[in-house]
């Protein structure tokens, strides 16, 4: 095959063979790099999605903490902070809906948004109930307790030699003369 060719032609054929092998290796390397680039892009999108979901979760947990504190303690500042947190959660959910393109994940975020709306409506229902409880406590229970204590003090101390009062977990006795 190569016996009747001149040396220059043999060198050129050898060079073209090496060039063809190099071209095939380069094409394979280019394909591998494009696969790696696609993988990096996929990982980048997943990290972005995790970040978005983390933001929604963090904002919701912060809001939930303030809702719980308001429900237990009735402090208005907790309610106001929870309302601000509610806006932050809604903003994070809107950002997630804008950023997520996958239909399955978008459906999950929409479901989460619906559940959050239910949670928000429940919180809205809690606010007047908690305020009514505070009003009843201040206007009815506290004055009744003060009257009860006054009645007990007026009726209970006569005829006893000692009275006992609990202070810091210990019974202190006072002798009357």
Protein backbone atom coordinates (compact mmCIF):
# COMPACT_ATOMS: atom_id res chain seq x y z
CA UNK A 1 0.00 0.00 0.00
CA UNK A 2 2.73 2.46 0.95
CA UNK A 3 5.67 0.73 -0.80
CA UNK A 4 5.33 2.52 -4.11
CA UNK A 5 4.84 6.02 -2.60
CA UNK A 6 7.44 8.69 -2.24
CA UNK A 7 8.76 9.55 1.20
CA UNK A 8 6.98 12.97 1.23
CA UNK A 9 3.63 11.31 0.53
CA UNK A 10 4.27 8.74 3.29
CA UNK A 11 5.07 11.53 5.74
CA UNK A 12 1.97 13.47 4.66
CA UNK A 13 -0.24 10.35 5.04
CA UNK A 14 1.27 9.73 8.50
CA UNK A 15 0.75 13.35 9.45
CA UNK A 16 -2.90 13.23 8.31
CA UNK A 17 -3.42 10.00 10.30
CA UNK A 18 -1.99 11.64 13.42
CA UNK A 19 -4.11 14.70 12.67
CA UNK A 20 -7.25 12.52 12.27
CA UNK A 21 -6.52 10.71 15.56
CA UNK A 22 -5.96 14.06 17.30
CA UNK A 23 -9.23 15.38 15.82
CA UNK A 24 -11.14 12.32 17.12
CA UNK A 25 -9.55 12.68 20.57
CA UNK A 26 -10.36 16.41 20.58
CA UNK A 27 -13.98 15.71 19.61
CA UNK A 28 -14.27 13.13 22.40
CA UNK A 29 -12.72 15.61 24.90
CA UNK A 30 -15.07 18.35 23.70
CA UNK A 31 -18.05 16.02 24.21
CA UNK A 32 -16.82 15.12 27.70
CA UNK A 33 -16.38 18.82 28.56
CA UNK A 34 -19.87 19.61 27.32
CA UNK A 35 -21.25 16.80 29.53
CA UNK A 36 -19.31 18.22 32.50
CA UNK A 37 -20.58 21.73 31.70
CA UNK A 38 -24.16 20.44 31.58
CA UNK A 39 -23.62 18.65 34.89
CA UNK A 40 -22.27 21.84 36.46
CA UNK A 41 -25.26 23.76 35.14
CA UNK A 42 -27.60 21.14 36.61
CA UNK A 43 -25.83 21.29 39.97
CA UNK A 44 -25.97 25.09 39.89
CA UNK A 45 -29.73 25.01 39.27
CA UNK A 46 -30.24 22.49 42.06
CA UNK A 47 -28.21 24.62 44.48
CA UNK A 48 -30.29 27.64 43.47
CA UNK A 49 -33.51 25.67 44.07
CA UNK A 50 -32.24 24.50 47.46
CA UNK A 51 -31.43 28.11 48.31
CA UNK A 52 -34.91 29.25 47.32
CA UNK A 53 -36.59 26.51 49.34
CA UNK A 54 -34.27 27.25 52.27
CA UNK A 55 -35.32 30.91 52.16
CA UNK A 56 -39.02 29.97 52.19
CA UNK A 57 -38.43 27.54 55.06
CA UNK A 58 -36.36 30.02 57.09
CA UNK A 59 -38.90 32.82 56.65
CA UNK A 60 -41.78 30.52 57.56
CA UNK A 61 -40.06 29.18 60.68
CA UNK A 62 -39.32 32.72 61.85
CA UNK A 63 -42.94 33.73 61.29
CA UNK A 64 -44.23 30.56 62.96
CA UNK A 65 -42.13 31.30 66.05
CA UNK A 66 -43.67 34.77 66.39
CA UNK A 67 -47.18 33.41 65.80
CA UNK A 68 -46.63 30.86 68.55
CA UNK A 69 -45.29 33.52 70.92
CA UNK A 70 -48.28 35.75 70.16
CA UNK A 71 -50.68 32.86 70.73
CA UNK A 72 -49.07 32.02 74.06
CA UNK A 73 -48.22 35.46 75.43
CA UNK A 74 -50.49 37.84 73.53
CA UNK A 75 -47.81 40.49 73.00
CA UNK A 76 -48.73 42.86 70.17
CA UNK A 77 -45.11 43.18 69.03
CA UNK A 78 -45.06 39.42 68.34
CA UNK A 79 -48.19 39.79 66.23
CA UNK A 80 -46.68 42.70 64.31
CA UNK A 81 -43.44 40.77 63.76
CA UNK A 82 -45.45 37.74 62.62
CA UNK A 83 -47.36 39.93 60.13
CA UNK A 84 -44.05 41.25 58.76
CA UNK A 85 -42.81 37.65 58.57
CA UNK A 86 -45.96 36.72 56.69
CA UNK A 87 -45.07 39.28 54.02
CA UNK A 88 -41.52 37.87 53.85
CA UNK A 89 -42.86 34.33 53.38
CA UNK A 90 -45.24 35.50 50.64
CA UNK A 91 -42.35 37.28 48.90
CA UNK A 92 -40.15 34.17 49.17
CA UNK A 93 -42.94 32.01 47.71
CA UNK A 94 -43.42 34.47 44.82
CA UNK A 95 -39.65 34.41 44.18
CA UNK A 96 -39.75 30.61 44.17
CA UNK A 97 -42.61 30.55 41.68
CA UNK A 98 -40.72 32.93 39.38
CA UNK A 99 -37.45 31.02 39.60
CA UNK A 100 -38.66 27.43 39.34
CA UNK A 101 -39.33 26.18 35.82
CA UNK A 102 -39.94 22.49 36.53
CA UNK A 103 -43.73 21.88 36.47
CA UNK A 104 -43.63 19.29 39.27
CA UNK A 105 -41.71 21.61 41.58
CA UNK A 106 -43.92 24.54 40.61
CA UNK A 107 -46.96 22.46 41.58
CA UNK A 108 -45.35 21.72 44.97
CA UNK A 109 -44.66 25.41 45.57
CA UNK A 110 -48.25 26.28 44.61
CA UNK A 111 -49.49 23.63 47.07
CA UNK A 112 -47.21 25.12 49.72
CA UNK A 113 -48.61 28.59 48.94
CA UNK A 114 -52.17 27.30 49.38
CA UNK A 115 -51.29 25.69 52.71
CA UNK A 116 -49.61 28.90 53.80
CA UNK A 117 -52.76 30.85 52.92
CA UNK A 118 -54.75 28.51 55.18
CA UNK A 119 -52.18 29.04 57.94
CA UNK A 120 -52.43 32.81 57.45
CA UNK A 121 -56.22 32.74 57.65
CA UNK A 122 -55.99 30.73 60.86
CA UNK A 123 -53.59 33.33 62.26
CA UNK A 124 -56.02 36.08 61.20
CA UNK A 125 -58.75 34.28 63.15
CA UNK A 126 -56.43 33.98 66.18
CA UNK A 127 -55.78 37.72 66.47
CA UNK A 128 -59.29 38.82 67.50
CA UNK A 129 -59.65 35.78 69.77
CA UNK A 130 -56.40 36.60 71.55
CA UNK A 131 -57.38 40.26 71.89
CA UNK A 132 -60.78 39.24 73.30
CA UNK A 133 -59.04 36.97 75.79
CA UNK A 134 -56.75 39.82 76.89
CA UNK A 135 -59.74 42.15 77.19
CA UNK A 136 -61.67 39.64 79.32
CA UNK A 137 -58.65 39.02 81.49
CA UNK A 138 -58.09 42.73 82.06
CA UNK A 139 -61.72 43.75 82.49
CA UNK A 140 -63.24 40.74 84.23
CA UNK A 141 -60.75 38.29 85.72
CA UNK A 142 -58.20 40.71 87.14
CA UNK A 143 -60.77 42.95 88.94
CA UNK A 144 -62.62 39.87 90.21
CA UNK A 145 -59.34 38.48 91.50
CA UNK A 146 -58.54 41.74 93.29
CA UNK A 147 -61.99 41.76 94.92
CA UNK A 148 -61.60 38.12 95.93
CA UNK A 149 -58.22 38.81 97.49
CA UNK A 150 -59.60 41.81 99.35
CA UNK A 151 -62.52 39.75 100.65
CA UNK A 152 -60.19 36.95 101.71
CA UNK A 153 -57.90 39.37 103.50
CA UNK A 154 -60.84 41.04 105.26
CA UNK A 155 -62.41 37.76 106.37
CA UNK A 156 -59.49 35.48 106.94
CA UNK A 157 -57.14 37.19 109.37
CA UNK A 158 -59.33 37.59 112.48
CA UNK A 159 -59.03 35.09 115.32
CA UNK A 160 -55.74 33.54 114.21
CA UNK A 161 -52.55 33.78 116.13
CA UNK A 162 -50.33 33.19 113.11
CA UNK A 163 -50.73 33.87 109.43
CA UNK A 164 -48.65 32.13 106.85
CA UNK A 165 -47.56 33.58 103.53
CA UNK A 166 -45.63 31.83 100.83
CA UNK A 167 -42.70 33.79 99.55
CA UNK A 168 -40.16 32.30 97.14
CA UNK A 169 -41.37 28.79 97.91
CA UNK A 170 -40.95 29.04 101.72
CA UNK A 171 -43.65 29.46 104.32
CA UNK A 172 -43.04 32.56 106.40
CA UNK A 173 -45.01 33.00 109.59
CA UNK A 174 -45.79 36.26 111.30
CA UNK A 175 -46.96 36.42 114.89
CA UNK A 176 -49.64 38.92 115.79
CA UNK A 177 -49.65 40.59 119.11
